[in-house]
N, C-alpha and C. Protein backbone atom coordinates (compact mmCIF):
# COMPACT_ATOMS: atom_id res chain seq x y z
N GLU A 1 -49.61 40.77 24.57
CA GLU A 1 -49.10 39.77 25.51
C GLU A 1 -48.81 38.44 24.81
N ALA A 2 -49.69 38.08 23.89
CA ALA A 2 -49.47 36.85 23.13
C ALA A 2 -48.24 36.98 22.25
N GLU A 3 -48.06 38.21 21.72
CA GLU A 3 -46.88 38.44 20.88
C GLU A 3 -45.60 38.33 21.70
N ALA A 4 -45.61 38.85 22.90
CA ALA A 4 -44.45 38.76 23.78
C ALA A 4 -44.15 37.30 24.12
N ALA A 5 -45.19 36.52 24.36
CA ALA A 5 -45.00 35.10 24.66
C ALA A 5 -44.43 34.37 23.46
N ALA A 6 -44.90 34.73 22.27
CA ALA A 6 -44.38 34.10 21.05
C ALA A 6 -42.92 34.47 20.83
N GLN A 7 -42.59 35.73 21.11
CA GLN A 7 -41.20 36.16 20.97
C GLN A 7 -40.31 35.45 21.99
N ALA A 8 -40.82 35.29 23.19
CA ALA A 8 -40.04 34.59 24.22
C ALA A 8 -39.83 33.13 23.83
N ALA A 9 -40.87 32.51 23.28
CA ALA A 9 -40.75 31.12 22.84
C ALA A 9 -39.75 31.00 21.69
N ALA A 10 -39.78 31.96 20.77
CA ALA A 10 -38.84 31.95 19.65
C ALA A 10 -37.42 32.15 20.15
N ALA A 11 -37.25 33.05 21.11
CA ALA A 11 -35.92 33.28 21.68
C ALA A 11 -35.41 32.04 22.40
N ALA A 12 -36.30 31.37 23.11
CA ALA A 12 -35.91 30.14 23.81
C ALA A 12 -35.52 29.06 22.81
N ALA A 13 -36.27 28.95 21.73
CA ALA A 13 -35.95 27.95 20.70
C ALA A 13 -34.61 28.27 20.04
N ALA A 14 -34.36 29.55 19.80
CA ALA A 14 -33.08 29.95 19.20
C ALA A 14 -31.93 29.66 20.15
N ALA A 15 -32.14 29.92 21.43
CA ALA A 15 -31.09 29.64 22.41
C ALA A 15 -30.83 28.14 22.50
N GLU A 16 -31.89 27.35 22.44
CA GLU A 16 -31.73 25.89 22.48
C GLU A 16 -30.97 25.40 21.24
N ALA A 17 -31.30 25.95 20.09
CA ALA A 17 -30.60 25.58 18.85
C ALA A 17 -29.13 25.97 18.92
N ALA A 18 -28.86 27.15 19.47
CA ALA A 18 -27.47 27.59 19.60
C ALA A 18 -26.70 26.69 20.56
N ALA A 19 -27.35 26.29 21.64
CA ALA A 19 -26.69 25.38 22.59
C ALA A 19 -26.42 24.03 21.94
N ALA A 20 -27.36 23.54 21.15
CA ALA A 20 -27.15 22.26 20.46
C ALA A 20 -26.01 22.36 19.46
N ALA A 21 -25.94 23.48 18.75
CA ALA A 21 -24.86 23.69 17.79
C ALA A 21 -23.51 23.77 18.50
N ALA A 22 -23.48 24.44 19.63
CA ALA A 22 -22.23 24.53 20.40
C ALA A 22 -21.81 23.17 20.91
N ALA A 23 -22.77 22.37 21.35
CA ALA A 23 -22.45 21.02 21.83
C ALA A 23 -21.92 20.15 20.69
N ALA A 24 -22.52 20.28 19.52
CA ALA A 24 -22.05 19.51 18.36
C ALA A 24 -20.64 19.93 17.96
N ALA A 25 -20.37 21.23 18.00
CA ALA A 25 -19.03 21.72 17.67
C ALA A 25 -18.01 21.23 18.69
N ALA A 26 -18.38 21.22 19.95
CA ALA A 26 -17.47 20.73 20.99
C ALA A 26 -17.20 19.24 20.80
N ALA A 27 -18.22 18.48 20.45
CA ALA A 27 -18.04 17.04 20.22
C ALA A 27 -17.13 16.80 19.02
N ALA A 28 -17.31 17.58 17.97
CA ALA A 28 -16.47 17.43 16.77
C ALA A 28 -15.02 17.78 17.10
N GLU A 29 -14.83 18.84 17.89
CA GLU A 29 -13.46 19.22 18.27
C GLU A 29 -12.82 18.14 19.13
N GLU A 30 -13.60 17.55 20.03
CA GLU A 30 -13.08 16.47 20.87
C GLU A 30 -12.67 15.27 20.02
N GLU A 31 -13.49 14.93 19.02
CA GLU A 31 -13.14 13.82 18.13
C GLU A 31 -11.86 14.12 17.36
N GLN A 32 -11.71 15.36 16.89
CA GLN A 32 -10.51 15.74 16.15
C GLN A 32 -9.28 15.66 17.05
N LEU A 33 -9.39 16.18 18.27
CA LEU A 33 -8.26 16.13 19.19
C LEU A 33 -7.90 14.69 19.55
N THR A 34 -8.92 13.85 19.73
CA THR A 34 -8.66 12.44 20.03
C THR A 34 -7.92 11.79 18.87
N ALA A 35 -8.33 12.08 17.65
CA ALA A 35 -7.66 11.52 16.47
C ALA A 35 -6.21 12.00 16.39
N GLU A 36 -5.99 13.28 16.70
CA GLU A 36 -4.62 13.82 16.68
C GLU A 36 -3.75 13.16 17.74
N VAL A 37 -4.30 12.93 18.91
CA VAL A 37 -3.55 12.27 19.98
C VAL A 37 -3.21 10.84 19.58
N GLN A 38 -4.19 10.14 18.99
CA GLN A 38 -3.94 8.76 18.57
C GLN A 38 -2.87 8.71 17.48
N GLN A 39 -2.90 9.67 16.55
CA GLN A 39 -1.89 9.71 15.50
C GLN A 39 -0.51 9.98 16.09
N THR A 40 -0.44 10.91 17.03
CA THR A 40 0.83 11.22 17.68
C THR A 40 1.36 10.02 18.44
N GLN A 41 0.47 9.30 19.13
CA GLN A 41 0.89 8.10 19.85
C GLN A 41 1.42 7.04 18.90
N ALA A 42 0.78 6.88 17.75
CA ALA A 42 1.23 5.90 16.76
C ALA A 42 2.60 6.29 16.21
N GLU A 43 2.78 7.59 15.94
CA GLU A 43 4.08 8.06 15.45
C GLU A 43 5.16 7.86 16.51
N ASP A 44 4.83 8.16 17.76
CA ASP A 44 5.79 7.97 18.84
C ASP A 44 6.16 6.50 19.00
N ALA A 45 5.18 5.61 18.88
CA ALA A 45 5.44 4.17 18.98
C ALA A 45 6.34 3.72 17.84
N SER A 46 6.11 4.24 16.65
CA SER A 46 6.94 3.90 15.50
C SER A 46 8.37 4.40 15.72
N ASP A 47 8.49 5.63 16.21
CA ASP A 47 9.83 6.17 16.50
C ASP A 47 10.54 5.32 17.54
N LEU A 48 9.81 4.91 18.58
CA LEU A 48 10.41 4.08 19.62
C LEU A 48 10.85 2.74 19.06
N ASP A 49 10.03 2.15 18.19
CA ASP A 49 10.42 0.88 17.56
C ASP A 49 11.71 1.05 16.76
N SER A 50 11.83 2.16 16.04
CA SER A 50 13.04 2.42 15.26
C SER A 50 14.26 2.56 16.17
N ILE A 51 14.08 3.27 17.27
CA ILE A 51 15.18 3.45 18.23
C ILE A 51 15.59 2.11 18.83
N LEU A 52 14.60 1.32 19.23
CA LEU A 52 14.92 0.02 19.83
C LEU A 52 15.58 -0.90 18.81
N SER A 53 15.16 -0.84 17.56
CA SER A 53 15.79 -1.65 16.52
C SER A 53 17.24 -1.23 16.34
N GLY A 54 17.47 0.08 16.37
CA GLY A 54 18.84 0.58 16.26
C GLY A 54 19.70 0.11 17.42
N ILE A 55 19.13 0.13 18.62
CA ILE A 55 19.86 -0.36 19.79
C ILE A 55 20.16 -1.85 19.64
N ASP A 56 19.17 -2.62 19.16
CA ASP A 56 19.39 -4.05 18.93
C ASP A 56 20.52 -4.27 17.93
N ASP A 57 20.57 -3.46 16.88
CA ASP A 57 21.63 -3.58 15.87
C ASP A 57 23.00 -3.30 16.48
N VAL A 58 23.07 -2.28 17.33
CA VAL A 58 24.35 -1.96 17.98
C VAL A 58 24.78 -3.09 18.90
N VAL A 59 23.84 -3.60 19.69
CA VAL A 59 24.16 -4.71 20.59
C VAL A 59 24.60 -5.92 19.79
N ALA A 60 23.91 -6.19 18.68
CA ALA A 60 24.27 -7.35 17.85
C ALA A 60 25.66 -7.17 17.25
N SER A 61 25.98 -5.95 16.81
CA SER A 61 27.30 -5.75 16.21
C SER A 61 28.40 -5.85 17.25
N VAL A 62 28.12 -5.41 18.45
CA VAL A 62 29.12 -5.50 19.52
C VAL A 62 29.31 -6.95 19.95
N SER A 63 28.22 -7.70 19.98
CA SER A 63 28.32 -9.09 20.43
C SER A 63 28.69 -10.03 19.29
N GLY A 64 28.71 -9.54 18.04
CA GLY A 64 29.10 -10.37 16.91
C GLY A 64 27.95 -11.06 16.22
N ASP A 65 26.73 -10.81 16.65
CA ASP A 65 25.57 -11.41 15.99
C ASP A 65 25.22 -10.62 14.73
N ALA A 66 24.38 -11.21 13.89
CA ALA A 66 23.93 -10.52 12.68
C ALA A 66 22.95 -9.41 13.05
N PRO A 67 22.93 -8.34 12.27
CA PRO A 67 21.96 -7.25 12.54
C PRO A 67 20.52 -7.75 12.42
N THR A 68 19.64 -7.11 13.16
CA THR A 68 18.23 -7.52 13.16
C THR A 68 17.45 -6.88 12.03
N SER A 69 18.01 -5.84 11.39
CA SER A 69 17.24 -5.16 10.35
C SER A 69 17.62 -5.65 8.97
């Protein structure tokens, strides 16, 4: 009976360790995805800035002003 209790305690400890490892893996994946989203947003903002600069250049050339770039 004591052996069964010890085995149950060991199984519970192993399950707790597995749950902690799964939680750590999920947190790491969330951090990675957050970093990827932030990088994509920065790239999109840069692309938008380039597009807006190009539009400004076209408007400036049509209106006779000097290009902004």
